Amino acid sequence: MKRRSFLSTIGGLALPSLLSAQYGREAKAKNIIYVYLTGGISAQETFDPNPFADSEFKGPFSSIKTKTDDLFFSDRFPLLAKETNKFSVIKSMTHGQAAHERGVEYMYTGYKPSPAISYSSIGSVISHEYGVQNSLPPYVTVPDTPNQFANAGFLSSQYNPFSLGSDPSSPSFKVKDLGQNLPARKADILELVDSRFKKEVSDDAIVAMDKFYNQAFGLMASQKAKDAFDISKESEKTKDLYGDSSAGKRLLISRRLVESGVRIVKTSFGSWDNHDNIKTSFENQAPQLDKALAGLFQDLEQRGLLNETLVVVTSEFGRTPKINKTAGRDHYPKVFSTIVGGGGINNGIVYGSSGNLSMEVEENPVLPEDLFATIFHLSGISPEKELFTKDLRPIQISKGKIIEELI
């Protein structure tokens, strides 16, 4: 490794205090749970059904009233419909990326995909700005990093997420490296750094690298980290609130992590790319998601955490207004829905409109960068702040506009 590339890799390690968020205001969202519904979930079968549409638009399910005036949900979400005073629904998300990979990148980073640069995920930016709290990683993905767009992008790799080694719902669930006896491994790595680079880099850089590895191994060995990942410490009543399911356990461990000090948890659930037989897909998956999300909002409120925890529920895009010939819906980024709640959000409102047929945004369009600018603002981070690539190119944290009506 050359001196320049080595320094660029560890350059951010020596200056964490200087790089911390400076926005002149207290963060309303002290932590974030970012729930990602993989595959492009249908708004019509979730949070923006069409109760008065013809069958070719309406889909296989009925609509039910929620706790919020003039807001209907699909009848697949009866529990969540009773909790709408704890969050708001954006019905007017929109962008132009109809391919999964490009849509995912946009909804993980808040930037349109570019061949010229790998943008940083929202979790990595939060990690960069705030760093470690309570001896826990600032950014965790549950159950694991699903793709490269959850990573640090142009930032140093130290801002990548800590990823679980397996699914919390698995009987063999175990967090990789957590609590292992690692002194020998640590000594080997530090010896390598000292012997290989001491003549090539400054003493300050060596100290920074030493601090980085000490912190990393400390996180893996700490009792607080072990406890945060241990769902068995929850009461049976709380476990039942979320449900004994993959969705329930992922959201329960997400709450445990932010409560313990993790800044942002990105979790995912399900496979919602329903080109065929959307009815069966939702019959199988929606009950888990409904119970887990309703449980999360109830639990956060009961613990006094909702006001400081921002919950975001989103996907890469929506689905076509019309049911197709194979009883499914196809990719449709022109309009879809997102839930935002807690953490400084004006809960219990509906923002934007998709019209009666969900063909297009009728009012208040929200681009991914607008959603991200709002999230960063609530987190106490200026969206206009610039971060720097390894070759010192400035990149603005977000170029979106803050959605004032949601705050």
Protein backbone atom coordinates (compact mmCIF):
# COMPACT_ATOMS: atom_id res chain seq x y z
CA MET A 1 0.00 0.00 0.00
CA LYS A 2 1.33 3.42 -0.96
CA ARG A 3 1.67 6.22 1.58
CA ARG A 4 -1.04 8.32 -0.14
CA SER A 5 -3.64 5.53 -0.28
CA PHE A 6 -2.91 4.50 3.31
CA LEU A 7 -3.38 8.05 4.57
CA SER A 8 -6.57 8.49 2.56
CA THR A 9 -7.95 5.30 4.11
CA ILE A 10 -7.33 6.40 7.69
CA GLY A 11 -7.42 10.17 7.21
CA GLY A 12 -10.72 10.63 9.02
CA LEU A 13 -9.57 8.68 12.08
CA ALA A 14 -7.49 11.45 13.62
CA LEU A 15 -10.16 14.13 13.55
CA PRO A 16 -13.48 12.73 14.81
CA SER A 17 -14.18 15.69 17.09
CA LEU A 18 -13.57 18.19 14.31
CA LEU A 19 -15.87 16.31 11.94
CA SER A 20 -18.82 16.00 14.32
CA ALA A 21 -22.12 17.62 13.40
CA GLN A 22 -22.27 21.38 13.84
CA TYR A 23 -25.67 22.82 13.01
CA GLY A 24 -26.35 25.24 15.84
CA ARG A 25 -29.47 23.34 16.98
CA GLU A 26 -30.31 20.33 19.07
CA ALA A 27 -31.25 17.18 17.20
CA LYS A 28 -34.93 16.26 17.52
CA ALA A 29 -34.15 12.80 16.16
CA LYS A 30 -31.38 11.47 18.38
CA ASN A 31 -31.55 8.09 16.67
CA ILE A 32 -33.14 6.56 13.57
CA ILE A 33 -34.72 3.24 12.63
CA TYR A 34 -34.77 3.00 8.83
CA VAL A 35 -37.09 0.16 7.77
CA TYR A 36 -36.52 -0.86 4.16
CA LEU A 37 -39.09 -2.98 2.33
CA THR A 38 -37.06 -4.69 -0.35
CA GLY A 39 -38.35 -5.05 -3.91
CA GLY A 40 -40.69 -2.07 -4.29
CA ILE A 41 -43.76 -2.50 -2.11
CA SER A 42 -47.18 -1.58 -3.49
CA ALA A 43 -48.80 1.55 -2.02
CA GLN A 44 -52.23 0.26 -3.12
CA GLU A 45 -51.91 -2.84 -0.92
CA THR A 46 -50.42 -0.93 2.03
CA PHE A 47 -50.80 2.76 2.94
CA ASP A 48 -52.55 4.32 -0.07
CA PRO A 49 -55.33 2.01 -1.29
CA ASN A 50 -58.00 3.11 -3.76
CA PRO A 51 -61.33 2.35 -2.05
CA PHE A 52 -63.44 3.79 -4.87
CA ALA A 53 -61.45 2.47 -7.84
CA ASP A 54 -62.52 -0.17 -10.35
CA SER A 55 -61.27 -3.71 -9.77
CA GLU A 56 -58.44 -3.40 -12.31
CA PHE A 57 -56.98 -0.61 -10.14
CA LYS A 58 -58.25 -1.53 -6.70
CA GLY A 59 -56.51 -4.86 -6.31
CA PRO A 60 -57.48 -7.90 -4.21
CA PHE A 61 -58.01 -6.24 -0.81
CA SER A 62 -60.47 -3.87 0.84
CA SER A 63 -59.71 -0.53 2.49
CA ILE A 64 -60.13 0.26 6.18
CA LYS A 65 -60.30 3.52 8.09
CA THR A 66 -57.38 4.55 10.26
CA LYS A 67 -57.07 6.76 13.33
CA THR A 68 -56.25 9.69 11.03
CA ASP A 69 -59.08 11.53 9.27
CA ASP A 70 -59.34 10.78 5.54
CA LEU A 71 -56.56 8.20 5.67
CA PHE A 72 -57.32 4.64 4.58
CA PHE A 73 -55.05 1.60 4.78
CA SER A 74 -55.29 -1.77 3.11
CA ASP A 75 -57.18 -4.27 5.26
CA ARG A 76 -53.88 -6.19 5.51
CA PHE A 77 -52.74 -3.61 8.11
CA PRO A 78 -55.48 -3.46 10.79
CA LEU A 79 -53.08 -3.09 13.73
CA LEU A 80 -51.00 -0.33 12.18
CA ALA A 81 -54.20 1.51 11.21
CA LYS A 82 -54.84 2.01 14.95
CA GLU A 83 -51.45 3.69 15.47
CA THR A 84 -51.52 6.43 12.80
CA ASN A 85 -51.49 9.15 15.46
CA LYS A 86 -47.85 8.14 16.06
CA PHE A 87 -46.61 8.75 12.49
CA SER A 88 -47.42 10.48 9.21
CA VAL A 89 -47.78 9.13 5.68
CA ILE A 90 -46.16 10.68 2.62
CA LYS A 91 -48.32 9.68 -0.36
CA SER A 92 -46.34 11.63 -2.94
CA MET A 93 -42.86 10.08 -3.08
CA THR A 94 -41.57 10.16 -6.65
CA HIS A 95 -38.47 9.68 -8.80
CA GLY A 96 -37.50 8.34 -12.21
CA GLN A 97 -35.47 5.19 -11.44
CA ALA A 98 -37.48 2.12 -12.47
CA ALA A 99 -34.68 -0.45 -12.09
CA HIS A 100 -34.22 -2.07 -8.67
CA GLU A 101 -30.50 -1.35 -8.26
CA ARG A 102 -30.81 2.31 -9.20
CA GLY A 103 -33.92 2.78 -7.08
CA VAL A 104 -32.26 1.17 -4.07
CA GLU A 105 -29.19 3.39 -4.42
CA TYR A 106 -31.37 6.49 -4.59
CA MET A 107 -33.36 5.50 -1.49
CA TYR A 108 -30.22 4.58 0.51
CA THR A 109 -28.17 7.66 -0.33
CA GLY A 110 -30.61 10.41 -1.34
CA TYR A 111 -28.63 10.92 -4.56
CA LYS A 112 -29.42 9.85 -8.10
CA PRO A 113 -27.04 7.08 -9.19
CA SER A 114 -23.91 8.36 -10.93
CA PRO A 115 -21.11 6.49 -12.71
CA ALA A 116 -18.66 9.12 -11.47
CA ILE A 117 -19.02 8.64 -7.72
CA SER A 118 -20.21 6.15 -5.12
CA TYR A 119 -22.39 8.15 -2.75
CA SER A 120 -22.46 7.46 0.99
CA SER A 121 -25.47 5.83 2.61
CA ILE A 122 -27.51 7.79 5.13
CA GLY A 123 -26.18 5.56 7.91
CA SER A 124 -22.58 6.25 6.98
CA VAL A 125 -23.17 10.01 6.97
CA ILE A 126 -24.80 9.80 10.41
CA SER A 127 -21.85 7.69 11.60
CA HIS A 128 -19.37 10.21 10.19
CA GLU A 129 -21.10 13.16 11.83
CA TYR A 130 -21.80 11.72 15.28
CA GLY A 131 -19.49 8.77 15.88
CA VAL A 132 -19.62 6.21 18.69
CA GLN A 133 -22.01 6.53 21.62
CA ASN A 134 -22.10 4.31 24.74
CA SER A 135 -19.37 2.05 23.33
CA LEU A 136 -21.65 0.85 20.52
CA PRO A 137 -21.27 1.09 16.74
CA PRO A 138 -23.03 4.22 15.44
CA TYR A 139 -24.49 2.42 12.41
CA VAL A 140 -25.85 -1.14 12.39
CA THR A 141 -27.65 -3.09 9.66
CA VAL A 142 -30.10 -5.86 10.59
CA PRO A 143 -29.80 -8.67 9.67
CA ASP A 144 -26.83 -7.89 7.42
CA THR A 145 -25.68 -5.49 4.71
CA PRO A 146 -27.84 -6.39 1.69
CA ASN A 147 -25.86 -4.47 -0.94
CA GLN A 148 -23.10 -1.96 -1.49
CA PHE A 149 -25.44 1.02 -1.23
CA ALA A 150 -25.69 0.63 2.56
CA ASN A 151 -21.97 1.35 2.81
CA ALA A 152 -19.70 4.37 3.21
CA GLY A 153 -19.30 5.20 -0.47
CA PHE A 154 -16.82 8.06 -0.91
CA LEU A 155 -16.20 8.30 2.85
CA SER A 156 -13.60 6.24 4.67
CA SER A 157 -14.49 2.58 5.15
CA GLN A 158 -14.50 3.17 8.92
CA TYR A 159 -18.03 4.53 8.40
CA ASN A 160 -19.36 1.27 6.98
CA PRO A 161 -22.08 -0.37 9.07
CA PHE A 162 -21.59 -3.03 11.69
CA SER A 163 -23.53 -5.94 10.22
CA LEU A 164 -25.07 -8.83 12.08
CA GLY A 165 -23.79 -12.23 11.07
CA SER A 166 -27.23 -13.81 10.80
CA ASP A 167 -30.98 -13.15 11.05
CA PRO A 168 -32.26 -12.49 14.61
CA SER A 169 -35.16 -14.86 13.87
CA SER A 170 -32.80 -17.76 13.19
CA PRO A 171 -32.45 -20.39 15.98
CA SER A 172 -28.68 -20.18 15.49
CA PHE A 173 -28.57 -16.37 15.65
CA LYS A 174 -25.22 -15.07 16.82
CA VAL A 175 -23.60 -11.69 16.24
CA LYS A 176 -20.29 -12.25 14.49
CA ASP A 177 -17.13 -11.46 16.52
CA LEU A 178 -19.17 -10.21 19.48
CA GLY A 179 -17.59 -11.02 22.84
CA GLN A 180 -14.75 -13.07 21.40
CA ASN A 181 -11.37 -13.19 23.12
CA LEU A 182 -9.35 -11.23 20.60
CA PRO A 183 -6.11 -9.98 22.20
CA ALA A 184 -3.87 -12.08 19.95
CA ARG A 185 -5.61 -10.92 16.79
CA LYS A 186 -5.44 -7.34 18.01
CA ALA A 187 -1.72 -7.62 18.75
CA ASP A 188 -1.01 -9.07 15.31
CA ILE A 189 -2.79 -6.24 13.53
CA LEU A 190 -1.15 -3.50 15.60
CA GLU A 191 2.27 -5.09 15.06
CA LEU A 192 1.61 -5.10 11.31
CA VAL A 193 0.68 -1.42 11.37
CA ASP A 194 3.75 -0.48 13.42
CA SER A 195 6.26 -2.49 11.38
CA ARG A 196 4.83 -1.80 7.91
CA PHE A 197 3.97 1.86 8.05
CA LYS A 198 5.91 3.52 10.87
CA LYS A 199 8.55 4.78 8.47
CA GLU A 200 6.00 5.81 5.86
CA VAL A 201 3.47 7.83 7.81
CA SER A 202 3.43 10.34 10.64
CA ASP A 203 3.24 9.38 14.30
CA ASP A 204 -0.18 11.04 14.45
CA ALA A 205 -1.52 8.69 11.78
CA ILE A 206 -0.17 5.66 13.63
CA VAL A 207 -1.82 6.86 16.83
CA ALA A 208 -5.07 7.34 14.92
CA MET A 209 -4.92 3.82 13.50
CA ASP A 210 -4.12 2.41 16.93
CA LYS A 211 -7.12 4.27 18.37
CA PHE A 212 -9.35 2.93 15.58
CA TYR A 213 -8.41 -0.70 16.24
CA ASN A 214 -8.65 -0.32 20.00
CA GLN A 215 -12.15 1.08 19.55
CA ALA A 216 -13.17 -1.67 17.11
CA PHE A 217 -12.01 -4.49 19.37
CA GLY A 218 -13.49 -2.74 22.40
CA LEU A 219 -16.89 -2.68 20.74
CA MET A 220 -16.75 -6.38 19.98
CA ALA A 221 -15.82 -7.25 23.56
CA SER A 222 -18.05 -4.90 25.57
CA GLN A 223 -20.83 -6.19 27.80
CA LYS A 224 -23.09 -3.33 26.65
CA ALA A 225 -22.80 -4.56 23.05
CA LYS A 226 -23.61 -8.13 24.10
CA ASP A 227 -26.67 -6.97 26.02
CA ALA A 228 -27.94 -4.71 23.22
CA PHE A 229 -28.07 -7.62 20.77
CA ASP A 230 -29.66 -10.05 23.25
CA ILE A 231 -33.43 -10.28 22.60
CA SER A 232 -33.78 -12.89 25.35
CA LYS A 233 -33.56 -10.08 27.91
CA GLU A 234 -36.96 -8.76 26.76
CA SER A 235 -40.15 -9.75 28.57
CA GLU A 236 -42.55 -12.19 26.96
CA LYS A 237 -45.12 -9.39 26.83
CA THR A 238 -42.79 -7.21 24.76
CA LYS A 239 -41.82 -10.07 22.46
CA ASP A 240 -45.51 -10.78 21.86
CA LEU A 241 -46.12 -7.10 21.07
CA TYR A 242 -43.79 -7.39 18.05
CA GLY A 243 -44.69 -10.97 17.14
CA ASP A 244 -42.67 -14.17 17.00
CA SER A 245 -41.61 -13.61 13.40
CA SER A 246 -38.70 -12.43 11.29
CA ALA A 247 -40.17 -8.92 11.05
CA GLY A 248 -40.94 -8.82 14.77
CA LYS A 249 -37.46 -9.87 15.89
CA ARG A 250 -35.72 -7.52 13.48
CA LEU A 251 -37.70 -4.51 14.69
CA LEU A 252 -37.37 -5.54 18.33
CA ILE A 253 -33.60 -5.77 18.11
CA SER A 254 -33.60 -2.44 16.24
CA ARG A 255 -35.37 -0.81 19.19
CA ARG A 256 -32.94 -2.42 21.63
CA LEU A 257 -30.01 -1.05 19.66
CA VAL A 258 -31.16 2.57 19.45
CA GLU A 259 -32.20 2.46 23.10
CA SER A 260 -28.67 1.32 23.98
CA GLY A 261 -26.93 4.04 21.97
CA VAL A 262 -26.72 3.03 18.30
CA ARG A 263 -27.31 6.18 16.24
CA ILE A 264 -29.00 4.57 13.23
CA VAL A 265 -30.27 1.05 12.52
CA LYS A 266 -31.17 0.06 8.99
CA THR A 267 -33.33 -3.03 8.87
CA SER A 268 -35.21 -4.76 6.08
CA PHE A 269 -38.02 -7.23 5.73
CA GLY A 270 -39.76 -9.21 3.02
CA SER A 271 -39.60 -9.54 -0.74
CA TRP A 272 -42.14 -7.21 -2.34
CA ASP A 273 -41.28 -7.45 -6.05
CA ASN A 274 -44.77 -8.72 -6.79
CA HIS A 275 -45.09 -8.95 -10.58
CA ASP A 276 -47.24 -12.05 -10.07
CA ASN A 277 -49.97 -13.02 -7.62
CA ILE A 278 -49.71 -10.02 -5.32
CA LYS A 279 -52.59 -11.35 -3.20
CA THR A 280 -50.71 -14.41 -1.96
CA SER A 281 -47.56 -12.40 -1.30
CA PHE A 282 -49.39 -9.97 0.97
CA GLU A 283 -51.41 -12.68 2.68
CA ASN A 284 -48.13 -14.36 3.63
CA GLN A 285 -46.01 -11.32 4.56
CA ALA A 286 -48.28 -8.44 5.57
CA PRO A 287 -49.45 -9.86 8.95
CA GLN A 288 -45.84 -10.04 10.17
CA LEU A 289 -45.09 -6.51 9.02
CA ASP A 290 -48.36 -5.11 10.38
CA LYS A 291 -47.83 -6.52 13.87
CA ALA A 292 -44.14 -5.64 14.00
CA LEU A 293 -44.58 -2.01 12.90
CA ALA A 294 -47.59 -1.46 15.18
CA GLY A 295 -45.60 -3.00 18.04
CA LEU A 296 -42.58 -0.80 17.34
CA PHE A 297 -44.59 2.44 17.51
CA GLN A 298 -46.42 1.31 20.66
CA ASP A 299 -43.20 0.21 22.33
CA LEU A 300 -41.32 3.40 21.51
CA GLU A 301 -44.15 5.52 22.90
CA GLN A 302 -44.49 3.44 26.09
CA ARG A 303 -40.75 3.76 26.75
CA GLY A 304 -40.70 7.51 26.12
CA LEU A 305 -38.48 7.01 23.08
CA LEU A 306 -40.82 8.01 20.25
CA ASN A 307 -40.15 11.75 20.48
CA GLU A 308 -36.42 11.19 19.99
CA THR A 309 -36.49 8.21 17.62
CA LEU A 310 -37.26 8.82 13.95
CA VAL A 311 -38.85 5.82 12.22
CA VAL A 312 -38.82 5.71 8.41
CA VAL A 313 -40.57 2.95 6.43
CA THR A 314 -39.91 3.02 2.70
CA SER A 315 -38.96 1.08 -0.46
CA GLU A 316 -37.16 1.71 -3.76
CA PHE A 317 -40.37 2.55 -5.64
CA GLY A 318 -44.05 1.62 -5.88
CA ARG A 319 -46.10 -0.56 -8.23
CA THR A 320 -48.24 0.15 -11.27
CA PRO A 321 -51.78 1.48 -10.74
CA LYS A 322 -53.31 -1.34 -12.78
CA ILE A 323 -53.19 -5.02 -11.90
CA ASN A 324 -51.34 -6.84 -14.69
CA LYS A 325 -52.26 -10.05 -16.53
CA THR A 326 -50.52 -12.24 -13.94
CA ALA A 327 -52.42 -10.70 -11.00
CA GLY A 328 -49.47 -8.56 -9.91
CA ARG A 329 -48.15 -5.04 -10.29
CA ASP A 330 -44.99 -3.89 -12.07
CA HIS A 331 -42.32 -1.30 -11.21
CA TYR A 332 -43.63 2.26 -10.86
CA PRO A 333 -41.40 5.04 -9.45
CA LYS A 334 -43.76 7.89 -10.44
CA VAL A 335 -45.63 7.75 -7.12
CA PHE A 336 -45.33 5.67 -3.93
CA SER A 337 -45.72 5.99 -0.17
CA THR A 338 -43.41 6.35 2.82
CA ILE A 339 -44.08 6.41 6.57
CA VAL A 340 -42.22 8.85 8.84
CA GLY A 341 -42.87 9.05 12.57
CA GLY A 342 -41.49 10.21 15.91
CA GLY A 343 -38.21 12.13 16.19
CA GLY A 344 -39.60 15.60 15.53
CA ILE A 345 -42.21 14.62 12.94
CA ASN A 346 -45.64 16.26 12.99
CA ASN A 347 -47.38 12.93 13.55
CA GLY A 348 -50.89 12.04 12.41
CA ILE A 349 -51.00 13.86 9.07
CA VAL A 350 -51.07 12.93 5.40
CA TYR A 351 -48.62 14.74 3.15
CA GLY A 352 -49.11 14.85 -0.61
CA SER A 353 -51.61 13.09 -2.82
CA SER A 354 -51.55 10.40 -5.50
CA GLY A 355 -55.12 11.01 -6.69
CA ASN A 356 -57.85 8.40 -6.84
CA LEU A 357 -55.94 6.01 -9.12
CA SER A 358 -52.31 6.46 -7.98
CA MET A 359 -51.29 7.39 -11.51
CA GLU A 360 -49.11 10.36 -10.54
CA VAL A 361 -48.44 12.90 -7.81
CA GLU A 362 -51.28 15.42 -7.63
CA GLU A 363 -49.80 17.68 -4.95
CA ASN A 364 -46.61 18.16 -2.92
CA PRO A 365 -44.16 15.85 -4.73
CA VAL A 366 -41.37 14.51 -2.52
CA LEU A 367 -38.09 13.41 -4.08
CA PRO A 368 -35.72 11.09 -2.18
CA GLU A 369 -33.35 14.01 -1.60
CA ASP A 370 -36.19 15.95 0.05
CA LEU A 371 -36.86 13.04 2.40
CA PHE A 372 -33.15 12.83 3.24
CA ALA A 373 -32.76 16.59 3.75
CA THR A 374 -35.64 16.40 6.23
CA ILE A 375 -34.10 13.42 8.04
CA PHE A 376 -30.71 15.14 8.32
CA HIS A 377 -32.33 18.36 9.52
CA LEU A 378 -34.21 16.48 12.25
CA SER A 379 -30.93 14.78 13.17
CA GLY A 380 -29.28 18.16 13.77
CA ILE A 381 -27.15 17.94 10.63
CA SER A 382 -27.20 20.72 8.06
CA PRO A 383 -28.12 19.25 4.64
CA GLU A 384 -25.96 21.98 3.09
CA LYS A 385 -22.79 20.87 4.88
CA GLU A 386 -20.08 19.52 2.60
CA LEU A 387 -18.14 16.31 3.15
CA PHE A 388 -15.01 15.45 1.23
CA THR A 389 -14.01 12.49 -0.91
CA LYS A 390 -10.54 10.97 -0.58
CA ASP A 391 -9.33 13.25 -3.38
CA LEU A 392 -10.82 16.25 -1.51
CA ARG A 393 -13.82 16.75 -3.77
CA PRO A 394 -16.63 18.46 -1.80
CA ILE A 395 -20.01 16.67 -1.71
CA GLN A 396 -23.04 18.31 -0.13
CA ILE A 397 -24.78 16.06 2.41
CA SER A 398 -28.14 16.57 0.69
CA LYS A 399 -29.39 18.77 -2.13
CA GLY A 400 -33.05 18.30 -1.23
CA LYS A 401 -35.47 20.71 0.38
CA ILE A 402 -36.65 20.25 3.95
CA ILE A 403 -40.35 19.36 4.15
CA GLU A 404 -41.38 21.96 6.73
CA GLU A 405 -44.99 20.75 6.94
CA LEU A 406 -43.83 17.42 8.37
CA ILE A 407 -41.83 19.00 11.21
